[in-house]
C-alpha cells in the first residue's frame, strides 16, 4: 500500500467543490437559508436532497484519515496544538471578524425582518460574542453566529473528544480490534457492518434533537470520523470498499427513492422530533443505509481511479481549507445581487458559481497563498522559502 493515500486527497478536493456547488444551489432549492431567490427550482431541490443524504458525512471522513497519519508522528499535545492552529485560529480571526458578519446580516435581513444597514447589524453581531449554551455543539462556541464555519468547530470538538479513543486504537488491543473488523469487512457484505453504528446513532438521538447541526448530527459525524481513522490501517478495508462499490450504488439509489417515498408519498414529517414509531425507525434506517452506501460508492471510485498524484492535486489539497473558509461568504455576496436580476434560474446559478469561484481563487492567490502571516490566519502551514542561490566564495 502506498504511504500516502492520494485518493483521499482527491476526495477532499472534490468534496470541497461539491460543498461549493451545494451552496450555490441553496438560493433556489426552497427551505430556509440566508438568502433566497423569489422563484425556486425543482432540479436544485432534487440535487440538494440527494447530496444532503451523504456528502457532509463524507467531509468528516478524510479528517479521520488525516488524524491516523498525524498521530503517527505527533504526541497528543502536538496533535491538539495542530488542531488549534488549523481550526480555531481561522475561526476566531478571519471567521469572527471578517467572514461571518456579512452572513449574519444576510440571515437577519432574510429570516428576522432586519431593516437596518450592514453596519448597524454589526452592533447586534458583536453583542452576542461570549454567550455559551449546551443546547447544540454550535451553541458551545462563544460566537453569535457560526454560519458555514460550524464544520470547523465540529471537527475540533470531535478531535478533542475522540483523542483518547484514537490513542487506544493505535495500541496493541486497538490494532487487534481493527484486524478483526477488517477480517469481517472483507467478506461478502462485510462493508455493511458500518451501518450498525450509523443507524444506532440516528435512531437513538434524532428523536431528541430537531434542526440542523444538532448533537445528533455531531455524533453521527463522529462515527464517520472514526471510520476514516481506521481505513488506512488495513488494506482489507479498501479491498472491501472496491468490491462493494457498485452494490452500494444500487442500494444507495433504492434508499434515496425510499426516502422520497416516505416524505412525498406517505407524508413523513422530516426531520426528527417524533416518538420512536415504526415510521421514525424506518426513515432513520433508510437515511443511514443511503448515507453509508453512497459514501462507500464514492470511496470505491476514488480507490480505483484516483490513487495517483498530480501537480493540480498538490495545489488543490493545500487550497481546500482557505477555499472552504472563504466560499460561503463570497457566494452570498455575489448572490445578494444576482437573485435580484430578471433572468432565468439557470443563468443566475451559472453567474453565482463562476463569479464566486473566480473571486475565491483571486482572494486565495492574492491575499493568502504567498504570505505566511495570512496563511497562519487561514490554518495553513508556513510556505517554505526557496533555497537561496549559493554565494560566490571568491
Protein backbone atom coordinates (compact mmCIF):
# COMPACT_ATOMS: atom_id res chain seq x y z
CA UNK A 1 0.00 0.00 0.00
CA UNK A 2 1.28 3.48 -0.88
CA UNK A 3 2.46 5.60 2.02
CA UNK A 4 0.17 8.46 1.05
CA UNK A 5 -3.46 7.95 0.06
CA UNK A 6 -3.79 10.22 -2.94
CA UNK A 7 -7.37 9.09 -3.43
CA UNK A 8 -8.22 10.63 -0.05
CA UNK A 9 -6.51 13.87 -1.10
CA UNK A 10 -8.58 13.89 -4.30
CA UNK A 11 -11.66 13.14 -2.25
CA UNK A 12 -11.00 16.12 -0.01
CA UNK A 13 -10.73 18.44 -3.01
CA UNK A 14 -13.75 17.03 -4.84
CA UNK A 15 -15.95 17.12 -1.76
CA UNK A 16 -14.98 20.77 -1.26
CA UNK A 17 -16.12 21.53 -4.81
CA UNK A 18 -19.34 19.65 -4.07
CA UNK A 19 -19.93 21.81 -0.99
CA UNK A 20 -19.32 24.88 -3.16
CA UNK A 21 -21.90 23.80 -5.75
CA UNK A 22 -24.30 22.79 -2.96
CA UNK A 23 -24.26 26.30 -1.51
CA UNK A 24 -24.57 27.90 -4.95
CA UNK A 25 -27.83 25.96 -5.35
CA UNK A 26 -29.19 26.87 -1.91
CA UNK A 27 -30.67 30.12 -3.27
CA UNK A 28 -33.02 28.10 -5.47
CA UNK A 29 -33.84 24.88 -3.58
CA UNK A 30 -36.51 26.05 -1.15
CA UNK A 31 -36.31 25.85 2.62
CA UNK A 32 -34.69 28.35 4.99
CA UNK A 33 -31.34 29.89 4.08
CA UNK A 34 -29.57 33.22 4.47
CA UNK A 35 -30.79 34.45 1.06
CA UNK A 36 -33.47 33.03 -1.26
CA UNK A 37 -34.43 33.64 -4.84
CA UNK A 38 -38.08 34.64 -5.44
CA UNK A 39 -38.71 31.52 -7.52
CA UNK A 40 -37.37 28.08 -6.73
CA UNK A 41 -36.07 25.19 -8.84
CA UNK A 42 -37.22 21.59 -8.58
CA UNK A 43 -33.90 20.48 -10.11
CA UNK A 44 -31.95 22.23 -7.35
CA UNK A 45 -34.27 20.74 -4.73
CA UNK A 46 -33.75 17.19 -6.04
CA UNK A 47 -29.98 17.66 -6.31
CA UNK A 48 -29.66 19.05 -2.80
CA UNK A 49 -31.92 16.42 -1.24
CA UNK A 50 -29.63 13.77 -2.75
CA UNK A 51 -26.44 15.49 -1.61
CA UNK A 52 -27.84 16.07 1.89
CA UNK A 53 -28.17 12.32 2.20
CA UNK A 54 -24.41 11.78 2.31
CA UNK A 55 -21.93 14.48 1.39
CA UNK A 56 -21.35 16.27 4.73
CA UNK A 57 -20.66 12.98 6.47
CA UNK A 58 -18.12 12.29 3.75
CA UNK A 59 -16.49 15.64 4.60
CA UNK A 60 -15.52 14.31 8.04
CA UNK A 61 -14.11 11.01 6.83
CA UNK A 62 -10.86 12.38 5.27
CA UNK A 63 -10.23 14.28 8.51
CA UNK A 64 -10.27 10.94 10.30
CA UNK A 65 -7.80 9.52 7.79
CA UNK A 66 -5.55 12.53 8.32
CA UNK A 67 -5.70 12.04 12.08
CA UNK A 68 -4.36 8.49 11.74
CA UNK A 69 -1.27 9.79 9.96
CA UNK A 70 -0.95 12.83 12.24
CA UNK A 71 -0.89 10.73 15.42
CA UNK A 72 1.80 8.53 13.93
CA UNK A 73 4.35 11.33 14.34
CA UNK A 74 2.80 13.62 16.99
CA UNK A 75 2.19 13.45 20.69
CA UNK A 76 -1.35 14.04 21.92
CA UNK A 77 -0.44 17.61 22.87
CA UNK A 78 1.18 18.15 19.47
CA UNK A 79 -1.91 16.80 17.71
CA UNK A 80 -4.24 19.13 19.64
CA UNK A 81 -1.97 22.12 19.07
CA UNK A 82 -2.03 21.38 15.35
CA UNK A 83 -5.84 21.26 15.55
CA UNK A 84 -5.88 24.63 17.32
CA UNK A 85 -3.69 26.23 14.65
CA UNK A 86 -5.58 24.69 11.75
CA UNK A 87 -9.12 25.11 13.08
CA UNK A 88 -9.51 27.58 15.94
CA UNK A 89 -7.14 30.27 14.65
CA UNK A 90 -9.14 30.75 11.41
CA UNK A 91 -12.41 30.53 13.31
CA UNK A 92 -11.56 33.24 15.83
CA UNK A 93 -9.72 35.59 13.46
CA UNK A 94 -10.84 35.86 9.83
CA UNK A 95 -14.02 33.96 10.65
CA UNK A 96 -15.15 36.04 13.62
CA UNK A 97 -14.11 39.47 12.34
CA UNK A 98 -14.32 39.28 8.54
CA UNK A 99 -16.37 36.44 7.05
CA UNK A 100 -19.20 35.77 9.48
CA UNK A 101 -20.56 39.35 9.92
CA UNK A 102 -21.84 39.59 6.30
CA UNK A 103 -23.54 36.20 6.64
CA UNK A 104 -25.11 37.36 9.91
CA UNK A 105 -26.51 40.43 8.14
CA UNK A 106 -27.98 38.36 5.30
CA UNK A 107 -29.54 35.96 7.83
CA UNK A 108 -31.13 38.80 9.82
CA UNK A 109 -32.33 40.53 6.65
CA UNK A 110 -34.00 37.43 5.22
CA UNK A 111 -35.23 35.50 8.25
CA UNK A 112 -35.60 38.04 11.07
CA UNK A 113 -37.03 41.10 9.30
CA UNK A 114 -33.97 43.25 9.99
CA UNK A 115 -34.26 46.51 8.00
CA UNK A 116 -31.08 48.26 9.08
CA UNK A 117 -27.79 48.55 7.24
CA UNK A 118 -24.92 46.10 7.38
CA UNK A 119 -23.02 48.47 9.68
CA UNK A 120 -25.98 48.65 12.05
CA UNK A 121 -26.10 44.84 12.17
CA UNK A 122 -22.50 44.73 13.43
CA UNK A 123 -23.58 46.06 16.84
CA UNK A 124 -26.06 43.18 17.15
CA UNK A 125 -23.45 40.71 15.97
CA UNK A 126 -20.72 41.65 18.43
CA UNK A 127 -23.23 41.99 21.26
CA UNK A 128 -23.68 38.21 21.07
CA UNK A 129 -19.99 37.36 21.40
CA UNK A 130 -19.24 35.38 24.56
CA UNK A 131 -22.62 33.71 25.11
CA UNK A 132 -22.34 29.93 25.52
CA UNK A 133 -25.05 27.28 25.82
CA UNK A 134 -25.13 23.49 25.72
CA UNK A 135 -28.23 23.13 23.55
CA UNK A 136 -26.14 22.28 20.48
CA UNK A 137 -22.45 21.93 19.59
CA UNK A 138 -22.58 25.28 17.79
CA UNK A 139 -24.03 26.96 20.88
CA UNK A 140 -20.91 25.97 22.82
CA UNK A 141 -18.99 28.32 20.59
CA UNK A 142 -18.89 31.86 22.06
CA UNK A 143 -19.91 33.42 18.75
CA UNK A 144 -23.28 34.98 17.89
CA UNK A 145 -23.42 33.24 14.53
CA UNK A 146 -21.45 30.27 13.16
CA UNK A 147 -22.52 30.14 9.51
CA UNK A 148 -20.70 27.54 7.46
CA UNK A 149 -17.79 27.50 9.91
CA UNK A 150 -19.77 25.13 12.12
CA UNK A 151 -17.77 22.42 10.34
CA UNK A 152 -14.50 23.68 11.81
CA UNK A 153 -15.96 23.78 15.31
CA UNK A 154 -17.47 20.29 14.98
CA UNK A 155 -14.15 18.97 13.72
CA UNK A 156 -12.25 20.48 16.63
CA UNK A 157 -14.67 19.08 19.21
CA UNK A 158 -14.60 15.65 17.57
CA UNK A 159 -10.79 15.69 17.50
CA UNK A 160 -10.71 16.65 21.17
CA UNK A 161 -13.33 14.18 22.42
CA UNK A 162 -12.09 11.19 20.43
CA UNK A 163 -8.38 11.63 21.19
CA UNK A 164 -8.27 9.01 24.00
CA UNK A 165 -10.09 6.56 21.73
CA UNK A 166 -7.78 7.35 18.81
CA UNK A 167 -4.79 6.62 21.02
CA UNK A 168 -6.44 3.41 22.17
CA UNK A 169 -7.00 2.28 18.58
CA UNK A 170 -3.28 2.73 17.93
CA UNK A 171 -2.40 0.45 20.85
CA UNK A 172 -1.97 -3.31 20.66
CA UNK A 173 -5.54 -4.06 21.67
CA UNK A 174 -6.87 -1.38 19.36
CA UNK A 175 -4.95 -2.75 16.38
CA UNK A 176 -6.17 -6.25 17.22
CA UNK A 177 -9.76 -4.96 17.18
CA UNK A 178 -9.18 -3.27 13.82
CA UNK A 179 -7.69 -6.50 12.48
CA UNK A 180 -10.81 -8.46 13.48
CA UNK A 181 -13.04 -5.80 11.93
CA UNK A 182 -11.02 -5.89 8.70
CA UNK A 183 -11.39 -9.68 8.51
CA UNK A 184 -15.16 -9.29 8.75
CA UNK A 185 -15.34 -6.38 6.33
CA UNK A 186 -13.51 -8.15 3.52
CA UNK A 187 -16.16 -10.89 3.44
CA UNK A 188 -19.16 -10.61 1.14
CA UNK A 189 -21.45 -7.93 2.53
CA UNK A 190 -18.98 -7.16 5.31
CA UNK A 191 -18.79 -3.46 4.50
CA UNK A 192 -22.37 -3.12 5.72
CA UNK A 193 -21.10 -3.60 9.28
CA UNK A 194 -20.57 0.16 9.27
CA UNK A 195 -24.33 0.55 9.10
CA UNK A 196 -24.65 -0.58 12.71
CA UNK A 197 -23.15 2.45 14.48
CA UNK A 198 -24.62 4.91 11.96
CA UNK A 199 -28.20 3.64 12.25
CA UNK A 200 -27.86 3.24 16.02
CA UNK A 201 -26.84 6.89 16.46
CA UNK A 202 -29.59 8.13 14.16
CA UNK A 203 -32.35 6.13 15.85
CA UNK A 204 -31.11 6.82 19.37
CA UNK A 205 -30.63 10.59 19.08
CA UNK A 206 -32.69 12.15 16.30
CA UNK A 207 -35.94 11.98 18.20
CA UNK A 208 -34.47 14.32 20.82
CA UNK A 209 -32.73 16.93 18.65
CA UNK A 210 -34.58 18.83 15.93
CA UNK A 211 -33.00 21.03 13.30
CA UNK A 212 -29.61 21.27 11.61
CA UNK A 213 -26.19 20.65 13.17
CA UNK A 214 -27.55 19.25 16.41
CA UNK A 215 -25.94 16.82 18.85
CA UNK A 216 -27.45 14.01 16.79
CA UNK A 217 -25.57 15.26 13.72
CA UNK A 218 -22.43 15.71 15.81
CA UNK A 219 -22.27 12.10 16.96
CA UNK A 220 -23.09 10.79 13.51
CA UNK A 221 -20.22 12.83 12.05
CA UNK A 222 -18.05 11.50 14.87
CA UNK A 223 -18.80 7.95 13.67
CA UNK A 224 -17.66 8.78 10.14
CA UNK A 225 -14.55 10.47 11.52
CA UNK A 226 -13.71 7.23 13.35
CA UNK A 227 -14.40 5.16 10.23
CA UNK A 228 -11.97 7.38 8.37
CA UNK A 229 -9.41 6.92 11.13
CA UNK A 230 -9.30 3.14 10.75
CA UNK A 231 -9.46 2.96 6.93
CA UNK A 232 -5.72 3.44 6.29
CA UNK A 233 -4.74 0.89 8.95
CA UNK A 234 -5.51 -2.20 6.88
CA UNK A 235 -5.69 -2.64 3.09
CA UNK A 236 -8.61 -5.05 3.53
CA UNK A 237 -10.92 -2.09 4.22
CA UNK A 238 -10.02 -0.62 0.84
CA UNK A 239 -10.37 -4.04 -0.82
CA UNK A 240 -13.87 -4.36 0.64
CA UNK A 241 -14.82 -0.84 -0.47
CA UNK A 242 -13.71 -1.62 -4.04
CA UNK A 243 -15.57 -4.93 -4.05
CA UNK A 244 -18.85 -3.46 -2.78
CA UNK A 245 -18.85 -0.17 -4.70
CA UNK A 246 -21.41 -0.97 -7.40
CA UNK A 247 -23.62 -2.90 -4.99
CA UNK A 248 -23.67 0.14 -2.75
CA UNK A 249 -24.62 2.33 -5.72
CA UNK A 250 -27.71 0.19 -6.30
CA UNK A 251 -28.63 0.14 -2.60
CA UNK A 252 -28.00 3.88 -2.38
CA UNK A 253 -30.36 4.57 -5.28
CA UNK A 254 -33.03 2.41 -3.64
CA UNK A 255 -32.53 4.22 -0.32
CA UNK A 256 -32.83 7.62 -1.99
CA UNK A 257 -36.04 6.50 -3.68
CA UNK A 258 -37.38 5.12 -0.40
CA UNK A 259 -36.60 8.41 1.35
CA UNK A 260 -38.56 10.28 -1.32
CA UNK A 261 -41.49 7.87 -0.99
CA UNK A 262 -41.60 8.21 2.79
CA UNK A 263 -41.54 12.02 2.65
CA UNK A 264 -43.52 12.78 -0.50
CA UNK A 265 -45.68 9.66 -0.77
CA UNK A 266 -46.51 8.92 2.86
CA UNK A 267 -46.10 12.46 4.20
CA UNK A 268 -43.45 11.68 6.79
CA UNK A 269 -42.61 14.84 8.73
CA UNK A 270 -38.87 15.20 8.27
CA UNK A 271 -36.65 15.92 10.19
CA UNK A 272 -36.93 14.17 13.52
CA UNK A 273 -38.71 15.14 16.68
CA UNK A 274 -41.10 12.19 16.63
CA UNK A 275 -41.50 9.41 19.11
CA UNK A 276 -39.83 6.10 18.36
CA UNK A 277 -42.54 4.99 15.98
CA UNK A 278 -42.12 2.38 13.26
CA UNK A 279 -42.11 5.15 10.64
CA UNK A 280 -39.40 7.03 12.55
CA UNK A 281 -37.15 3.97 12.82
CA UNK A 282 -37.75 3.08 9.18
CA UNK A 283 -36.90 6.57 7.98
CA UNK A 284 -33.71 6.80 10.04
CA UNK A 285 -32.64 3.34 8.89
CA UNK A 286 -33.20 4.34 5.25
CA UNK A 287 -31.17 7.51 5.75
CA UNK A 288 -28.35 5.61 7.44
CA UNK A 289 -28.27 2.97 4.70
CA UNK A 290 -28.25 5.62 1.99
CA UNK A 291 -25.53 7.62 3.69
CA UNK A 292 -23.16 4.67 4.12
CA UNK A 293 -23.81 3.26 0.65
CA UNK A 294 -23.27 6.49 -1.23
CA UNK A 295 -20.07 7.13 0.70
CA UNK A 296 -18.76 3.62 0.02
CA UNK A 297 -19.56 4.04 -3.69
CA UNK A 298 -17.69 7.35 -3.87
CA UNK A 299 -14.75 5.88 -1.94
CA UNK A 300 -14.66 2.90 -4.29
CA UNK A 301 -14.36 5.16 -7.34
CA UNK A 302 -11.57 7.09 -5.65
CA UNK A 303 -9.68 3.94 -4.62
CA UNK A 304 -9.92 2.50 -8.14
CA UNK A 305 -9.17 5.56 -10.23
CA UNK A 306 -7.76 8.42 -8.15
CA UNK A 307 -4.88 6.99 -6.11
CA UNK A 308 -2.39 8.91 -8.27
CA UNK A 309 -0.52 12.14 -7.69
CA UNK A 310 -0.78 15.19 -9.92
CA UNK A 311 0.50 18.75 -9.63
CA UNK A 312 -3.04 20.08 -9.56
CA UNK A 313 -3.74 17.81 -6.58
CA UNK A 314 -0.89 19.32 -4.60
CA UNK A 315 -2.23 22.80 -5.31
CA UNK A 316 -5.85 21.87 -4.61
CA UNK A 317 -5.13 19.98 -1.41
CA UNK A 318 -3.35 23.00 0.05
CA UNK A 319 -6.11 25.36 -1.07
CA UNK A 320 -9.01 23.33 0.37
CA UNK A 321 -9.15 24.92 3.82
CA UNK A 322 -8.92 28.60 2.77
CA UNK A 323 -11.34 27.87 -0.07
CA UNK A 324 -13.81 26.46 2.44
CA UNK A 325 -13.34 29.41 4.80
CA UNK A 326 -13.97 31.91 2.00
CA UNK A 327 -16.62 30.18 -0.05
CA UNK A 328 -19.99 30.75 1.60
CA UNK A 329 -19.47 34.44 2.34
CA UNK A 330 -18.35 35.07 -1.24
CA UNK A 331 -21.28 33.07 -2.65
CA UNK A 332 -23.76 35.05 -0.54
CA UNK A 333 -22.24 38.40 -1.52
CA UNK A 334 -22.46 37.52 -5.21
CA UNK A 335 -25.93 36.04 -4.78
CA UNK A 336 -27.16 39.15 -2.98
CA UNK A 337 -27.03 40.93 -6.34
CA UNK A 338 -27.66 38.01 -8.72
CA UNK A 339 -31.00 36.91 -7.26
CA UNK A 340 -32.40 40.42 -7.86
CA UNK A 341 -31.79 40.30 -11.60
CA UNK A 342 -34.55 39.46 -14.06
CA UNK A 343 -33.18 36.31 -15.66
CA UNK A 344 -33.60 32.55 -15.53
CA UNK A 345 -32.60 30.49 -12.51
CA UNK A 346 -30.04 28.59 -14.57
CA UNK A 347 -28.32 31.79 -15.68
CA UNK A 348 -28.32 33.15 -12.12
CA UNK A 349 -26.83 29.88 -10.88
CA UNK A 350 -24.09 29.96 -13.52
CA UNK A 351 -23.23 33.56 -12.70
CA UNK A 352 -23.12 32.88 -8.96
CA UNK A 353 -20.96 29.77 -9.40
CA UNK A 354 -18.48 31.20 -11.91
CA UNK A 355 -18.08 34.64 -10.36
CA UNK A 356 -17.81 33.21 -6.83
CA UNK A 357 -15.23 30.63 -7.85
CA UNK A 358 -13.09 33.25 -9.59
CA UNK A 359 -13.33 35.65 -6.64
CA UNK A 360 -12.39 32.93 -4.14
CA UNK A 361 -9.34 31.94 -6.17
CA UNK A 362 -8.31 35.59 -6.61
CA UNK A 363 -8.59 36.14 -2.86
CA UNK A 364 -6.63 32.96 -2.18
CA UNK A 365 -3.86 33.75 -4.66
CA UNK A 366 -3.69 37.47 -3.96
CA UNK A 367 -4.14 37.61 -0.20
CA UNK A 368 -3.43 34.22 1.33
CA UNK A 369 -1.21 31.75 -0.51
CA UNK A 370 2.01 33.76 -0.71
CA UNK A 371 2.05 35.42 2.71
CA UNK A 372 2.94 33.40 5.80
CA UNK A 373 1.17 35.70 8.25
CA UNK A 374 -2.11 35.36 6.35
CA UNK A 375 -1.54 31.64 5.79
CA UNK A 376 -1.36 31.26 9.57
CA UNK A 377 -4.71 33.04 9.96
CA UNK A 378 -6.24 30.60 7.47
CA UNK A 379 -4.89 27.49 9.20
CA UNK A 380 -2.17 26.80 6.63
CA UNK A 381 1.40 25.74 7.25
CA UNK A 382 4.14 28.30 6.54
CA UNK A 383 5.28 28.49 2.95
CA UNK A 384 8.76 27.07 2.65
CA UNK A 385 11.34 29.52 1.47
CA UNK A 386 13.17 28.60 -1.65
CA UNK A 387 16.79 27.82 -1.15
CA UNK A 388 18.79 30.92 -1.81
CA UNK A 389 21.35 30.83 -4.54
CA UNK A 390 24.80 29.96 -3.39
CA UNK A 391 27.03 32.97 -2.95
CA UNK A 392 30.28 33.24 -4.81
CA UNK A 393 33.05 32.18 -2.49
CA UNK A 394 35.65 34.33 -4.24
